């Protein structure tokens, strides 16, 4: 059984027991999280929502919050002596999916 949910402006395919990193939610560890924007649900037969599946809920438990590895953005224009180097670290919330209903 799996579900496709919409969270943080992205779509995720989740199953029970999966650990997913979402954008920072500001939740404490062991706190429960509910995702009601379920785009599709497969429990033997595929149910696709218009745009969301009615009555479908995906529940999860927050594991921790943290910061990802640094991502370096480097742009170089050849023969122009023009370079740009930037980087950032994404804040995330790690969630374990506990139940798909």
N, C-alpha and C. Protein backbone atom coordinates (compact mmCIF):
# COMPACT_ATOMS: atom_id res chain seq x y z
N UNK A 1 0.84 -1.16 0.00
CA UNK A 1 0.00 0.00 0.00
C UNK A 1 0.90 1.24 0.00
N UNK A 2 0.60 2.16 -0.89
CA UNK A 2 1.36 3.40 -0.93
C UNK A 2 0.41 4.55 -1.23
N UNK A 3 0.90 5.76 -0.97
CA UNK A 3 0.13 6.96 -1.24
C UNK A 3 1.05 8.02 -1.81
N UNK A 4 0.49 8.92 -2.59
CA UNK A 4 1.23 10.07 -3.09
C UNK A 4 0.63 11.29 -2.41
N UNK A 5 1.48 12.00 -1.63
CA UNK A 5 0.99 13.14 -0.88
C UNK A 5 1.65 14.42 -1.38
N UNK A 6 1.00 15.53 -1.08
CA UNK A 6 1.54 16.84 -1.41
C UNK A 6 1.88 17.54 -0.11
N UNK A 7 3.15 17.92 0.03
CA UNK A 7 3.60 18.62 1.23
C UNK A 7 4.80 19.49 0.86
N UNK A 8 4.87 20.67 1.42
CA UNK A 8 5.99 21.59 1.19
C UNK A 8 6.11 21.97 -0.28
N UNK A 9 5.00 21.96 -1.01
CA UNK A 9 5.05 22.31 -2.43
C UNK A 9 5.63 21.22 -3.31
N UNK A 10 5.81 20.01 -2.76
CA UNK A 10 6.36 18.89 -3.51
C UNK A 10 5.46 17.69 -3.36
N UNK A 11 5.67 16.69 -4.21
CA UNK A 11 4.89 15.45 -4.13
C UNK A 11 5.83 14.32 -3.72
N UNK A 12 5.34 13.49 -2.79
CA UNK A 12 6.14 12.39 -2.27
C UNK A 12 5.35 11.09 -2.35
N UNK A 13 6.01 10.01 -2.77
CA UNK A 13 5.41 8.69 -2.73
C UNK A 13 5.85 8.04 -1.42
N UNK A 14 4.86 7.69 -0.57
CA UNK A 14 5.18 7.19 0.77
C UNK A 14 4.52 5.84 1.02
N UNK A 15 5.17 5.04 1.85
CA UNK A 15 4.63 3.79 2.35
C UNK A 15 4.80 3.79 3.86
N UNK A 16 4.10 2.89 4.54
CA UNK A 16 4.25 2.81 5.99
C UNK A 16 5.68 2.41 6.34
N UNK A 17 6.26 3.12 7.28
CA UNK A 17 7.63 2.84 7.71
C UNK A 17 8.68 3.67 7.00
N UNK A 18 8.31 4.40 5.94
CA UNK A 18 9.27 5.25 5.23
C UNK A 18 9.69 6.42 6.09
N UNK A 19 10.92 6.88 5.87
CA UNK A 19 11.43 8.08 6.52
C UNK A 19 11.67 9.12 5.43
N UNK A 20 10.97 10.25 5.53
CA UNK A 20 11.00 11.28 4.50
C UNK A 20 11.46 12.60 5.12
N UNK A 21 12.27 13.37 4.39
CA UNK A 21 12.71 14.69 4.83
C UNK A 21 11.85 15.75 4.13
N UNK A 22 11.08 16.49 4.92
CA UNK A 22 10.27 17.59 4.42
C UNK A 22 10.95 18.90 4.78
N UNK A 23 10.48 20.02 4.19
CA UNK A 23 10.95 21.33 4.60
C UNK A 23 10.60 21.53 6.07
N UNK A 24 11.33 22.42 6.73
CA UNK A 24 11.17 22.60 8.18
C UNK A 24 9.73 22.93 8.54
N UNK A 25 9.19 22.18 9.52
CA UNK A 25 7.80 22.36 9.96
C UNK A 25 7.70 23.03 11.32
N UNK A 26 8.78 23.08 12.09
CA UNK A 26 8.75 23.67 13.42
C UNK A 26 8.04 22.79 14.43
N UNK A 27 8.19 21.48 14.31
CA UNK A 27 7.55 20.53 15.23
C UNK A 27 8.60 19.92 16.15
N UNK A 28 8.14 19.44 17.31
CA UNK A 28 9.02 18.78 18.28
C UNK A 28 9.13 17.29 17.93
N UNK A 29 10.24 16.64 18.33
CA UNK A 29 10.34 15.19 18.14
C UNK A 29 9.22 14.45 18.87
N UNK A 30 8.79 13.34 18.30
CA UNK A 30 7.70 12.49 18.79
C UNK A 30 6.32 13.11 18.58
N UNK A 31 6.25 14.28 17.94
CA UNK A 31 4.96 14.92 17.68
C UNK A 31 4.32 14.29 16.45
N UNK A 32 3.00 14.17 16.46
CA UNK A 32 2.27 13.57 15.34
C UNK A 32 2.01 14.62 14.26
N UNK A 33 2.04 14.16 13.00
CA UNK A 33 1.80 15.02 11.84
C UNK A 33 0.78 14.33 10.96
N UNK A 34 -0.19 15.08 10.43
CA UNK A 34 -1.20 14.55 9.52
C UNK A 34 -1.09 15.23 8.17
N UNK A 35 -1.11 14.44 7.12
CA UNK A 35 -1.12 14.96 5.75
C UNK A 35 -2.47 14.60 5.14
N UNK A 36 -3.28 15.62 4.85
CA UNK A 36 -4.62 15.37 4.31
C UNK A 36 -4.65 15.58 2.80
N UNK A 37 -3.60 16.16 2.23
CA UNK A 37 -3.56 16.38 0.79
C UNK A 37 -2.99 15.13 0.12
N UNK A 38 -3.83 14.11 -0.02
CA UNK A 38 -3.43 12.84 -0.64
C UNK A 38 -3.90 12.87 -2.09
N UNK A 39 -2.95 12.82 -3.02
CA UNK A 39 -3.26 12.90 -4.44
C UNK A 39 -3.70 11.56 -5.01
N UNK A 40 -3.10 10.47 -4.53
CA UNK A 40 -3.43 9.13 -5.01
C UNK A 40 -3.21 8.13 -3.89
N UNK A 41 -3.97 7.06 -3.93
CA UNK A 41 -3.90 6.03 -2.90
C UNK A 41 -4.02 4.67 -3.58
N UNK A 42 -3.09 3.76 -3.27
CA UNK A 42 -3.11 2.44 -3.87
C UNK A 42 -3.16 1.41 -2.76
N UNK A 43 -4.32 0.75 -2.60
CA UNK A 43 -4.46 -0.34 -1.64
C UNK A 43 -5.04 -1.54 -2.36
N UNK A 44 -4.35 -1.96 -3.39
CA UNK A 44 -4.85 -3.04 -4.25
C UNK A 44 -5.41 -2.47 -5.53
N UNK A 45 -6.16 -1.40 -5.42
CA UNK A 45 -6.64 -0.67 -6.60
C UNK A 45 -6.27 0.80 -6.44
N UNK A 46 -5.96 1.44 -7.53
CA UNK A 46 -5.50 2.82 -7.51
C UNK A 46 -6.67 3.77 -7.47
N UNK A 47 -6.68 4.66 -6.47
CA UNK A 47 -7.69 5.72 -6.37
C UNK A 47 -6.98 7.05 -6.58
N UNK A 48 -7.39 7.78 -7.60
CA UNK A 48 -6.78 9.07 -7.91
C UNK A 48 -7.79 10.15 -7.57
N UNK A 49 -7.33 11.16 -6.85
CA UNK A 49 -8.21 12.24 -6.41
C UNK A 49 -8.39 13.30 -7.47
N UNK A 50 -9.40 14.14 -7.26
CA UNK A 50 -9.66 15.26 -8.16
C UNK A 50 -9.85 16.53 -7.35
N UNK A 51 -8.90 17.22 -6.82
CA UNK A 51 -7.47 16.92 -6.87
C UNK A 51 -7.01 16.02 -5.74
N UNK A 52 -7.81 15.87 -4.64
CA UNK A 52 -7.38 15.05 -3.51
C UNK A 52 -8.38 13.92 -3.28
N UNK A 53 -7.89 12.81 -2.72
CA UNK A 53 -8.74 11.67 -2.39
C UNK A 53 -9.50 12.00 -1.10
N UNK A 54 -10.82 11.91 -1.16
CA UNK A 54 -11.64 12.26 0.00
C UNK A 54 -11.49 11.22 1.10
N UNK A 55 -11.32 11.69 2.33
CA UNK A 55 -11.24 10.80 3.49
C UNK A 55 -9.90 10.13 3.68
N UNK A 56 -8.94 10.36 2.80
CA UNK A 56 -7.63 9.72 2.93
C UNK A 56 -6.72 10.60 3.78
N UNK A 57 -6.03 9.95 4.72
CA UNK A 57 -5.13 10.65 5.63
C UNK A 57 -3.85 9.83 5.78
N UNK A 58 -2.72 10.52 5.74
CA UNK A 58 -1.43 9.88 6.00
C UNK A 58 -0.90 10.47 7.30
N UNK A 59 -0.59 9.60 8.26
CA UNK A 59 -0.10 10.05 9.56
C UNK A 59 1.37 9.72 9.69
N UNK A 60 2.07 10.60 10.41
CA UNK A 60 3.49 10.40 10.61
C UNK A 60 3.92 10.90 11.98
N UNK A 61 5.17 10.58 12.33
CA UNK A 61 5.73 10.99 13.61
C UNK A 61 7.07 11.67 13.33
N UNK A 62 7.27 12.85 13.90
CA UNK A 62 8.49 13.60 13.69
C UNK A 62 9.64 12.90 14.41
N UNK A 63 10.74 12.67 13.69
CA UNK A 63 11.93 12.08 14.28
C UNK A 63 12.84 13.18 14.81
N UNK A 64 13.22 14.11 13.94
CA UNK A 64 14.06 15.23 14.36
C UNK A 64 14.04 16.33 13.31
N UNK A 65 14.64 17.45 13.65
CA UNK A 65 14.85 18.53 12.71
C UNK A 65 16.35 18.75 12.59
N UNK A 66 16.78 19.25 11.45
CA UNK A 66 18.20 19.47 11.27
C UNK A 66 18.48 20.30 10.04
N UNK A 67 19.76 20.32 9.68
CA UNK A 67 20.18 21.05 8.49
C UNK A 67 20.91 20.08 7.58
N UNK A 68 20.63 20.20 6.29
CA UNK A 68 21.21 19.32 5.28
C UNK A 68 22.66 19.70 5.01
N UNK A 69 23.33 18.91 4.17
CA UNK A 69 24.68 19.25 3.74
C UNK A 69 24.65 20.51 2.90
N UNK A 70 25.78 21.18 2.82
CA UNK A 70 25.86 22.40 2.04
C UNK A 70 25.81 22.07 0.55
N UNK A 71 25.00 22.82 -0.18
CA UNK A 71 24.91 22.72 -1.63
C UNK A 71 25.63 23.92 -2.20
N UNK A 72 26.61 23.70 -3.08
CA UNK A 72 27.40 24.79 -3.65
C UNK A 72 26.91 25.06 -5.06
N UNK A 73 26.62 26.33 -5.32
CA UNK A 73 26.21 26.77 -6.65
C UNK A 73 27.39 27.57 -7.22
N UNK A 74 27.94 27.10 -8.32
CA UNK A 74 29.09 27.77 -8.93
C UNK A 74 28.77 28.06 -10.38
N UNK A 75 28.82 29.33 -10.75
CA UNK A 75 28.58 29.74 -12.13
C UNK A 75 29.86 30.38 -12.67
N UNK A 76 30.21 30.02 -13.89
CA UNK A 76 31.40 30.58 -14.52
C UNK A 76 31.09 30.88 -15.98
N UNK A 77 31.44 32.06 -16.39
CA UNK A 77 31.29 32.42 -17.79
C UNK A 77 32.68 32.40 -18.42
N UNK A 78 32.88 31.52 -19.37
CA UNK A 78 34.22 31.34 -19.93
C UNK A 78 34.69 32.59 -20.68
N UNK A 79 35.97 32.82 -20.55
CA UNK A 79 36.67 33.92 -21.20
C UNK A 79 36.17 35.29 -20.75
N UNK A 80 35.39 35.42 -19.70
CA UNK A 80 34.87 36.71 -19.27
C UNK A 80 35.42 37.12 -17.90
N UNK A 81 36.20 36.24 -17.27
CA UNK A 81 36.70 36.48 -15.92
C UNK A 81 35.54 36.81 -14.97
N UNK A 82 34.47 36.03 -15.10
CA UNK A 82 33.28 36.24 -14.29
C UNK A 82 32.92 34.93 -13.61
N UNK A 83 32.94 34.95 -12.28
CA UNK A 83 32.62 33.76 -11.50
C UNK A 83 31.68 34.15 -10.37
N UNK A 84 30.84 33.19 -9.96
CA UNK A 84 29.93 33.41 -8.84
C UNK A 84 29.85 32.11 -8.06
N UNK A 85 30.13 32.17 -6.77
CA UNK A 85 30.06 30.99 -5.93
C UNK A 85 29.15 31.29 -4.75
N UNK A 86 28.10 30.50 -4.62
CA UNK A 86 27.15 30.65 -3.52
C UNK A 86 26.82 29.27 -2.98
N UNK A 87 26.32 29.24 -1.77
CA UNK A 87 25.92 27.98 -1.19
C UNK A 87 24.84 28.19 -0.15
N UNK A 88 24.15 27.11 0.21
CA UNK A 88 23.13 27.20 1.25
C UNK A 88 22.93 25.82 1.87
N UNK A 89 22.37 25.81 3.06
CA UNK A 89 22.02 24.58 3.75
C UNK A 89 20.54 24.60 4.01
N UNK A 90 19.86 23.56 3.59
CA UNK A 90 18.40 23.48 3.74
C UNK A 90 18.04 22.98 5.13
N UNK A 91 17.05 23.63 5.76
CA UNK A 91 16.50 23.14 7.02
C UNK A 91 15.44 22.10 6.70
N UNK A 92 15.42 20.98 7.45
CA UNK A 92 14.46 19.93 7.15
C UNK A 92 13.87 19.36 8.44
N UNK A 93 12.75 18.67 8.27
CA UNK A 93 12.12 17.90 9.33
C UNK A 93 12.02 16.47 8.84
N UNK A 94 12.58 15.53 9.60
CA UNK A 94 12.56 14.12 9.22
C UNK A 94 11.34 13.46 9.87
N UNK A 95 10.51 12.81 9.04
CA UNK A 95 9.25 12.24 9.50
C UNK A 95 9.19 10.76 9.13
N UNK A 96 8.74 9.92 10.08
CA UNK A 96 8.50 8.50 9.80
C UNK A 96 7.00 8.32 9.58
N UNK A 97 6.63 7.73 8.44
CA UNK A 97 5.22 7.49 8.11
C UNK A 97 4.73 6.29 8.93
N UNK A 98 3.67 6.51 9.71
CA UNK A 98 3.18 5.45 10.59
C UNK A 98 1.90 4.79 10.09
N UNK A 99 1.05 5.54 9.39
CA UNK A 99 -0.25 4.98 9.03
C UNK A 99 -0.80 5.64 7.77
N UNK A 100 -1.34 4.84 6.88
CA UNK A 100 -2.06 5.34 5.70
C UNK A 100 -3.48 4.85 5.80
N UNK A 101 -4.43 5.79 5.86
CA UNK A 101 -5.84 5.40 6.03
C UNK A 101 -6.71 6.12 5.01
